[in-house]
Amino acid sequence: MNVFQPVTDSADDPTFGQGLGTTLGFVDQLAG
């Protein structure tokens, strides 16, 4: 499977945390 793999698995990493937060924010936005 050709999937984007982030460099880190830590939500503490600013880039990873920002991507995760943005994605979940979009999910909440559509449902809200």
PDB file of all heavy atoms in Angstrom:
ATOM      1  N   MET A   1       0.851  -1.159   0.000  1.00  0.00           N
ATOM      2  CA  MET A   1       0.000   0.000   0.000  1.00  0.00           C
ATOM      3  C   MET A   1       0.903   1.230   0.000  1.00  0.00           C
ATOM      4  O   MET A   1       1.818   1.343   0.787  1.00  0.00           O
ATOM      5  CB  MET A   1      -0.903  -0.039   1.237  1.00  0.00           C
ATOM      6  CG  MET A   1      -1.786   1.150   1.347  1.00  0.00           C
ATOM      7  SD  MET A   1      -3.147   0.972   2.533  1.00  0.00           S
ATOM      8  CE  MET A   1      -2.330   0.567   4.049  1.00  0.00           C
ATOM      9  N   ASN A   2       0.621   2.152  -0.886  1.00  0.00           N
ATOM     10  CA  ASN A   2       1.427   3.358  -1.029  1.00  0.00           C
ATOM     11  C   ASN A   2       0.757   4.492  -0.257  1.00  0.00           C
ATOM     12  O   ASN A   2      -0.055   5.219  -0.778  1.00  0.00           O
ATOM     13  CB  ASN A   2       1.550   3.707  -2.516  1.00  0.00           C
ATOM     14  CG  ASN A   2       2.622   4.729  -2.764  1.00  0.00           C
ATOM     15  OD1 ASN A   2       3.328   5.127  -1.845  1.00  0.00           O
ATOM     16  ND2 ASN A   2       2.738   5.162  -4.000  1.00  0.00           N
ATOM     17  N   VAL A   3       1.094   4.612   1.017  1.00  0.00           N
ATOM     18  CA  VAL A   3       0.448   5.576   1.907  1.00  0.00           C
ATOM     19  C   VAL A   3       1.497   6.535   2.436  1.00  0.00           C
ATOM     20  O   VAL A   3       2.617   6.146   2.724  1.00  0.00           O
ATOM     21  CB  VAL A   3      -0.227   4.840   3.092  1.00  0.00           C
ATOM     22  CG1 VAL A   3      -0.834   5.818   4.071  1.00  0.00           C
ATOM     23  CG2 VAL A   3      -1.280   3.890   2.590  1.00  0.00           C
ATOM     24  N   PHE A   4       1.121   7.794   2.577  1.00  0.00           N
ATOM     25  CA  PHE A   4       2.014   8.782   3.171  1.00  0.00           C
ATOM     26  C   PHE A   4       2.352   8.356   4.586  1.00  0.00           C
ATOM     27  O   PHE A   4       1.474   8.072   5.390  1.00  0.00           O
ATOM     28  CB  PHE A   4       1.329  10.150   3.201  1.00  0.00           C
ATOM     29  CG  PHE A   4       2.027  11.157   4.059  1.00  0.00           C
ATOM     30  CD1 PHE A   4       3.193  11.744   3.629  1.00  0.00           C
ATOM     31  CD2 PHE A   4       1.544  11.484   5.299  1.00  0.00           C
ATOM     32  CE1 PHE A   4       3.859  12.667   4.418  1.00  0.00           C
ATOM     33  CE2 PHE A   4       2.185  12.411   6.102  1.00  0.00           C
ATOM     34  CZ  PHE A   4       3.352  12.994   5.653  1.00  0.00           C
ATOM     35  N   GLN A   5       3.619   8.293   4.904  1.00  0.00           N
ATOM     36  CA  GLN A   5       4.071   7.924   6.231  1.00  0.00           C
ATOM     37  C   GLN A   5       4.754   9.123   6.864  1.00  0.00           C
ATOM     38  O   GLN A   5       5.791   9.557   6.402  1.00  0.00           O
ATOM     39  CB  GLN A   5       5.077   6.761   6.162  1.00  0.00           C
ATOM     40  CG  GLN A   5       4.512   5.487   5.586  1.00  0.00           C
ATOM     41  CD  GLN A   5       3.688   4.730   6.605  1.00  0.00           C
ATOM     42  OE1 GLN A   5       3.832   4.927   7.796  1.00  0.00           O
ATOM     43  NE2 GLN A   5       2.799   3.895   6.126  1.00  0.00           N
ATOM     44  N   PRO A   6       4.191   9.682   7.922  1.00  0.00           N
ATOM     45  CA  PRO A   6       4.866  10.807   8.573  1.00  0.00           C
ATOM     46  C   PRO A   6       6.176  10.353   9.195  1.00  0.00           C
ATOM     47  O   PRO A   6       6.351   9.182   9.503  1.00  0.00           O
ATOM     48  CB  PRO A   6       3.874  11.254   9.644  1.00  0.00           C
ATOM     49  CG  PRO A   6       2.930  10.137   9.823  1.00  0.00           C
ATOM     50  CD  PRO A   6       2.945   9.324   8.565  1.00  0.00           C
ATOM     51  N   VAL A   7       7.093  11.284   9.374  1.00  0.00           N
ATOM     52  CA  VAL A   7       8.395  10.973   9.942  1.00  0.00           C
ATOM     53  C   VAL A   7       8.246  10.491  11.378  1.00  0.00           C
ATOM     54  O   VAL A   7       8.994   9.662  11.849  1.00  0.00           O
ATOM     55  CB  VAL A   7       9.317  12.217   9.876  1.00  0.00           C
ATOM     56  CG1 VAL A   7      10.629  11.950  10.555  1.00  0.00           C
ATOM     57  CG2 VAL A   7       9.519  12.629   8.428  1.00  0.00           C
ATOM     58  N   THR A   8       7.269  11.004  12.071  1.00  0.00           N
ATOM     59  CA  THR A   8       7.068  10.652  13.473  1.00  0.00           C
ATOM     60  C   THR A   8       5.640  10.201  13.707  1.00  0.00           C
ATOM     61  O   THR A   8       4.744  10.546  12.961  1.00  0.00           O
ATOM     62  CB  THR A   8       7.381  11.857  14.385  1.00  0.00           C
ATOM     63  OG1 THR A   8       7.165  11.468  15.742  1.00  0.00           O
ATOM     64  CG2 THR A   8       6.522  13.049  14.066  1.00  0.00           C
ATOM     65  N   ASP A   9       5.451   9.424  14.745  1.00  0.00           N
ATOM     66  CA  ASP A   9       4.121   8.959  15.125  1.00  0.00           C
ATOM     67  C   ASP A   9       3.642   9.717  16.361  1.00  0.00           C
ATOM     68  O   ASP A   9       2.775   9.281  17.066  1.00  0.00           O
ATOM     69  CB  ASP A   9       4.185   7.451  15.417  1.00  0.00           C
ATOM     70  CG  ASP A   9       2.807   6.829  15.571  1.00  0.00           C
ATOM     71  OD1 ASP A   9       1.845   7.356  14.990  1.00  0.00           O
ATOM     72  OD2 ASP A   9       2.695   5.827  16.286  1.00  0.00           O
ATOM     73  N   SER A  10       4.239  10.864  16.612  1.00  0.00           N
ATOM     74  CA  SER A  10       3.938  11.591  17.837  1.00  0.00           C
ATOM     75  C   SER A  10       3.082  12.815  17.551  1.00  0.00           C
ATOM     76  O   SER A  10       3.432  13.645  16.727  1.00  0.00           O
ATOM     77  CB  SER A  10       5.238  12.036  18.511  1.00  0.00           C
ATOM     78  OG  SER A  10       4.960  12.913  19.567  1.00  0.00           O
ATOM     79  N   ALA A  11       1.976  12.919  18.257  1.00  0.00           N
ATOM     80  CA  ALA A  11       1.129  14.103  18.121  1.00  0.00           C
ATOM     81  C   ALA A  11       1.813  15.323  18.716  1.00  0.00           C
ATOM     82  O   ALA A  11       1.356  16.443  18.529  1.00  0.00           O
ATOM     83  CB  ALA A  11      -0.214  13.866  18.795  1.00  0.00           C
ATOM     84  N   ASP A  12       2.930  15.117  19.435  1.00  0.00           N
ATOM     85  CA  ASP A  12       3.690  16.236  19.986  1.00  0.00           C
ATOM     86  C   ASP A  12       4.530  16.934  18.929  1.00  0.00           C
ATOM     87  O   ASP A  12       4.932  18.072  19.101  1.00  0.00           O
ATOM     88  CB  ASP A  12       4.616  15.766  21.120  1.00  0.00           C
ATOM     89  CG  ASP A  12       3.823  15.239  22.304  1.00  0.00           C
ATOM     90  OD1 ASP A  12       2.690  15.721  22.519  1.00  0.00           O
ATOM     91  OD2 ASP A  12       4.330  14.360  23.002  1.00  0.00           O
ATOM     92  N   ASP A  13       4.830  16.250  17.826  1.00  0.00           N
ATOM     93  CA  ASP A  13       5.582  16.863  16.734  1.00  0.00           C
ATOM     94  C   ASP A  13       4.706  17.946  16.116  1.00  0.00           C
ATOM     95  O   ASP A  13       3.557  17.695  15.776  1.00  0.00           O
ATOM     96  CB  ASP A  13       5.937  15.802  15.684  1.00  0.00           C
ATOM     97  CG  ASP A  13       6.635  16.410  14.498  1.00  0.00           C
ATOM     98  OD1 ASP A  13       7.864  16.576  14.539  1.00  0.00           O
ATOM     99  OD2 ASP A  13       5.930  16.726  13.518  1.00  0.00           O
ATOM    100  N   PRO A  14       5.223  19.177  15.974  1.00  0.00           N
ATOM    101  CA  PRO A  14       4.375  20.279  15.496  1.00  0.00           C
ATOM    102  C   PRO A  14       3.729  20.021  14.138  1.00  0.00           C
ATOM    103  O   PRO A  14       2.541  20.305  13.953  1.00  0.00           O
ATOM    104  CB  PRO A  14       5.326  21.473  15.427  1.00  0.00           C
ATOM    105  CG  PRO A  14       6.517  21.101  16.219  1.00  0.00           C
ATOM    106  CD  PRO A  14       6.571  19.600  16.277  1.00  0.00           C
ATOM    107  N   THR A  15       4.475  19.476  13.193  1.00  0.00           N
ATOM    108  CA  THR A  15       3.919  19.242  11.859  1.00  0.00           C
ATOM    109  C   THR A  15       2.854  18.166  11.908  1.00  0.00           C
ATOM    110  O   THR A  15       1.767  18.319  11.349  1.00  0.00           O
ATOM    111  CB  THR A  15       5.032  18.839  10.873  1.00  0.00           C
ATOM    112  OG1 THR A  15       6.039  19.835  10.902  1.00  0.00           O
ATOM    113  CG2 THR A  15       4.501  18.680   9.470  1.00  0.00           C
ATOM    114  N   PHE A  16       3.159  17.074  12.574  1.00  0.00           N
ATOM    115  CA  PHE A  16       2.201  15.974  12.674  1.00  0.00           C
ATOM    116  C   PHE A  16       0.963  16.419  13.442  1.00  0.00           C
ATOM    117  O   PHE A  16      -0.166  16.186  13.022  1.00  0.00           O
ATOM    118  CB  PHE A  16       2.848  14.766  13.352  1.00  0.00           C
ATOM    119  CG  PHE A  16       1.938  13.578  13.412  1.00  0.00           C
ATOM    120  CD1 PHE A  16       1.691  12.822  12.291  1.00  0.00           C
ATOM    121  CD2 PHE A  16       1.312  13.236  14.598  1.00  0.00           C
ATOM    122  CE1 PHE A  16       0.841  11.735  12.330  1.00  0.00           C
ATOM    123  CE2 PHE A  16       0.462  12.153  14.654  1.00  0.00           C
ATOM    124  CZ  PHE A  16       0.230  11.393  13.525  1.00  0.00           C
ATOM    125  N   GLY A  17       1.171  17.078  14.569  1.00  0.00           N
ATOM    126  CA  GLY A  17       0.047  17.547  15.378  1.00  0.00           C
ATOM    127  C   GLY A  17      -0.829  18.529  14.623  1.00  0.00           C
ATOM    128  O   GLY A  17      -2.054  18.491  14.732  1.00  0.00           O
ATOM    129  N   GLN A  18      -0.207  19.409  13.845  1.00  0.00           N
ATOM    130  CA  GLN A  18      -0.970  20.383  13.066  1.00  0.00           C
ATOM    131  C   GLN A  18      -1.807  19.683  12.000  1.00  0.00           C
ATOM    132  O   GLN A  18      -2.973  20.012  11.799  1.00  0.00           O
ATOM    133  CB  GLN A  18      -0.040  21.402  12.422  1.00  0.00           C
ATOM    134  CG  GLN A  18      -0.781  22.464  11.649  1.00  0.00           C
ATOM    135  CD  GLN A  18       0.160  23.488  11.037  1.00  0.00           C
ATOM    136  OE1 GLN A  18       1.356  23.286  10.941  1.00  0.00           O
ATOM    137  NE2 GLN A  18      -0.403  24.596  10.613  1.00  0.00           N
ATOM    138  N   GLY A  19      -1.210  18.706  11.308  1.00  0.00           N
ATOM    139  CA  GLY A  19      -1.953  17.958  10.287  1.00  0.00           C
ATOM    140  C   GLY A  19      -3.119  17.195  10.886  1.00  0.00           C
ATOM    141  O   GLY A  19      -4.229  17.201  10.348  1.00  0.00           O
ATOM    142  N   LEU A  20      -2.866  16.569  12.024  1.00  0.00           N
ATOM    143  CA  LEU A  20      -3.916  15.816  12.703  1.00  0.00           C
ATOM    144  C   LEU A  20      -5.020  16.752  13.177  1.00  0.00           C
ATOM    145  O   LEU A  20      -6.211  16.502  12.959  1.00  0.00           O
ATOM    146  CB  LEU A  20      -3.330  15.046  13.892  1.00  0.00           C
ATOM    147  CG  LEU A  20      -4.298  14.235  14.733  1.00  0.00           C
ATOM    148  CD1 LEU A  20      -4.950  13.150  13.891  1.00  0.00           C
ATOM    149  CD2 LEU A  20      -3.565  13.623  15.912  1.00  0.00           C
ATOM    150  N   GLY A  21      -4.655  17.857  13.788  1.00  0.00           N
ATOM    151  CA  GLY A  21      -5.639  18.824  14.274  1.00  0.00           C
ATOM    152  C   GLY A  21      -6.470  19.420  13.152  1.00  0.00           C
ATOM    153  O   GLY A  21      -7.684  19.596  13.281  1.00  0.00           O
ATOM    154  N   THR A  22      -5.819  19.729  12.029  1.00  0.00           N
ATOM    155  CA  THR A  22      -6.532  20.284  10.876  1.00  0.00           C
ATOM    156  C   THR A  22      -7.528  19.280  10.328  1.00  0.00           C
ATOM    157  O   THR A  22      -8.688  19.618  10.055  1.00  0.00           O
ATOM    158  CB  THR A  22      -5.535  20.697   9.780  1.00  0.00           C
ATOM    159  OG1 THR A  22      -4.646  21.677  10.317  1.00  0.00           O
ATOM    160  CG2 THR A  22      -6.238  21.252   8.558  1.00  0.00           C
ATOM    161  N   THR A  23      -7.099  18.034  10.181  1.00  0.00           N
ATOM    162  CA  THR A  23      -7.986  16.995   9.654  1.00  0.00           C
ATOM    163  C   THR A  23      -9.191  16.797  10.559  1.00  0.00           C
ATOM    164  O   THR A  23     -10.338  16.786  10.095  1.00  0.00           O
ATOM    165  CB  THR A  23      -7.220  15.668   9.494  1.00  0.00           C
ATOM    166  OG1 THR A  23      -6.130  15.875   8.601  1.00  0.00           O
ATOM    167  CG2 THR A  23      -8.111  14.573   8.944  1.00  0.00           C
ATOM    168  N   LEU A  24      -8.957  16.658  11.867  1.00  0.00           N
ATOM    169  CA  LEU A  24     -10.075  16.455  12.786  1.00  0.00           C
ATOM    170  C   LEU A  24     -10.963  17.696  12.863  1.00  0.00           C
ATOM    171  O   LEU A  24     -12.182  17.586  13.022  1.00  0.00           O
ATOM    172  CB  LEU A  24      -9.562  16.068  14.172  1.00  0.00           C
ATOM    173  CG  LEU A  24      -8.831  14.721  14.248  1.00  0.00           C
ATOM    174  CD1 LEU A  24      -8.378  14.440  15.671  1.00  0.00           C
ATOM    175  CD2 LEU A  24      -9.678  13.581  13.717  1.00  0.00           C
ATOM    176  N   GLY A  25     -10.369  18.867  12.710  1.00  0.00           N
ATOM    177  CA  GLY A  25     -11.159  20.095  12.663  1.00  0.00           C
ATOM    178  C   GLY A  25     -12.096  20.123  11.468  1.00  0.00           C
ATOM    179  O   GLY A  25     -13.256  20.534  11.583  1.00  0.00           O
ATOM    180  N   PHE A  26     -11.603  19.678  10.311  1.00  0.00           N
ATOM    181  CA  PHE A  26     -12.451  19.606   9.117  1.00  0.00           C
ATOM    182  C   PHE A  26     -13.607  18.629   9.335  1.00  0.00           C
ATOM    183  O   PHE A  26     -14.743  18.889   8.938  1.00  0.00           O
ATOM    184  CB  PHE A  26     -11.650  19.166   7.893  1.00  0.00           C
ATOM    185  CG  PHE A  26     -10.750  20.212   7.321  1.00  0.00           C
ATOM    186  CD1 PHE A  26      -9.664  19.841   6.544  1.00  0.00           C
ATOM    187  CD2 PHE A  26     -10.956  21.566   7.529  1.00  0.00           C
ATOM    188  CE1 PHE A  26      -8.810  20.796   5.994  1.00  0.00           C
ATOM    189  CE2 PHE A  26     -10.112  22.537   6.982  1.00  0.00           C
ATOM    190  CZ  PHE A  26      -9.043  22.133   6.212  1.00  0.00           C
ATOM    191  N   VAL A  27     -13.307  17.479   9.961  1.00  0.00           N
ATOM    192  CA  VAL A  27     -14.343  16.477  10.227  1.00  0.00           C
ATOM    193  C   VAL A  27     -15.426  17.084  11.133  1.00  0.00           C
ATOM    194  O   VAL A  27     -16.622  16.956  10.863  1.00  0.00           O
ATOM    195  CB  VAL A  27     -13.726  15.212  10.853  1.00  0.00           C
ATOM    196  CG1 VAL A  27     -14.798  14.249  11.317  1.00  0.00           C
ATOM    197  CG2 VAL A  27     -12.805  14.517   9.844  1.00  0.00           C
ATOM    198  N   ASP A  28     -14.998  17.752  12.198  1.00  0.00           N
ATOM    199  CA  ASP A  28     -15.962  18.406  13.102  1.00  0.00           C
ATOM    200  C   ASP A  28     -16.746  19.498  12.378  1.00  0.00           C
ATOM    201  O   ASP A  28     -17.945  19.668  12.595  1.00  0.00           O
ATOM    202  CB  ASP A  28     -15.244  19.041  14.303  1.00  0.00           C
ATOM    203  CG  ASP A  28     -14.961  18.050  15.420  1.00  0.00           C
ATOM    204  OD1 ASP A  28     -15.564  16.958  15.430  1.00  0.00           O
ATOM    205  OD2 ASP A  28     -14.133  18.378  16.292  1.00  0.00           O
ATOM    206  N   GLN A  29     -16.064  20.246  11.520  1.00  0.00           N
ATOM    207  CA  GLN A  29     -16.714  21.346  10.804  1.00  0.00           C
ATOM    208  C   GLN A  29     -17.854  20.846   9.935  1.00  0.00           C
ATOM    209  O   GLN A  29     -18.940  21.424   9.932  1.00  0.00           O
ATOM    210  CB  GLN A  29     -15.678  22.067   9.943  1.00  0.00           C
ATOM    211  CG  GLN A  29     -16.235  23.200   9.114  1.00  0.00           C
ATOM    212  CD  GLN A  29     -15.169  23.826   8.228  1.00  0.00           C
ATOM    213  OE1 GLN A  29     -13.992  23.788   8.550  1.00  0.00           O
ATOM    214  NE2 GLN A  29     -15.584  24.371   7.122  1.00  0.00           N
ATOM    215  N   LEU A  30     -17.621  19.771   9.192  1.00  0.00           N
ATOM    216  CA  LEU A  30     -18.679  19.244   8.332  1.00  0.00           C
ATOM    217  C   LEU A  30     -19.863  18.747   9.140  1.00  0.00           C
ATOM    218  O   LEU A  30     -21.012  18.958   8.763  1.00  0.00           O
ATOM    219  CB  LEU A  30     -18.134  18.103   7.460  1.00  0.00           C
ATOM    220  CG  LEU A  30     -17.569  18.517   6.117  1.00  0.00           C
ATOM    221  CD1 LEU A  30     -16.887  17.348   5.440  1.00  0.00           C
ATOM    222  CD2 LEU A  30     -18.642  19.092   5.223  1.00  0.00           C
ATOM    223  N   ALA A  31     -19.594  18.087  10.268  1.00  0.00           N
ATOM    224  CA  ALA A  31     -20.685  17.553  11.082  1.00  0.00           C
ATOM    225  C   ALA A  31     -21.393  18.657  11.867  1.00  0.00           C
ATOM    226  O   ALA A  31     -22.535  18.488  12.262  1.00  0.00           O
ATOM    227  CB  ALA A  31     -20.152  16.495  12.040  1.00  0.00           C
ATOM    228  N   GLY A  32     -20.714  19.780  12.082  1.00  0.00           N
ATOM    229  CA  GLY A  32     -21.303  20.854  12.871  1.00  0.00           C
ATOM    230  C   GLY A  32     -22.048  21.896  12.064  1.00  0.00           C
ATOM    231  O   GLY A  32     -22.794  22.698  12.613  1.00  0.00           O
TER     232      GLY A  32
END
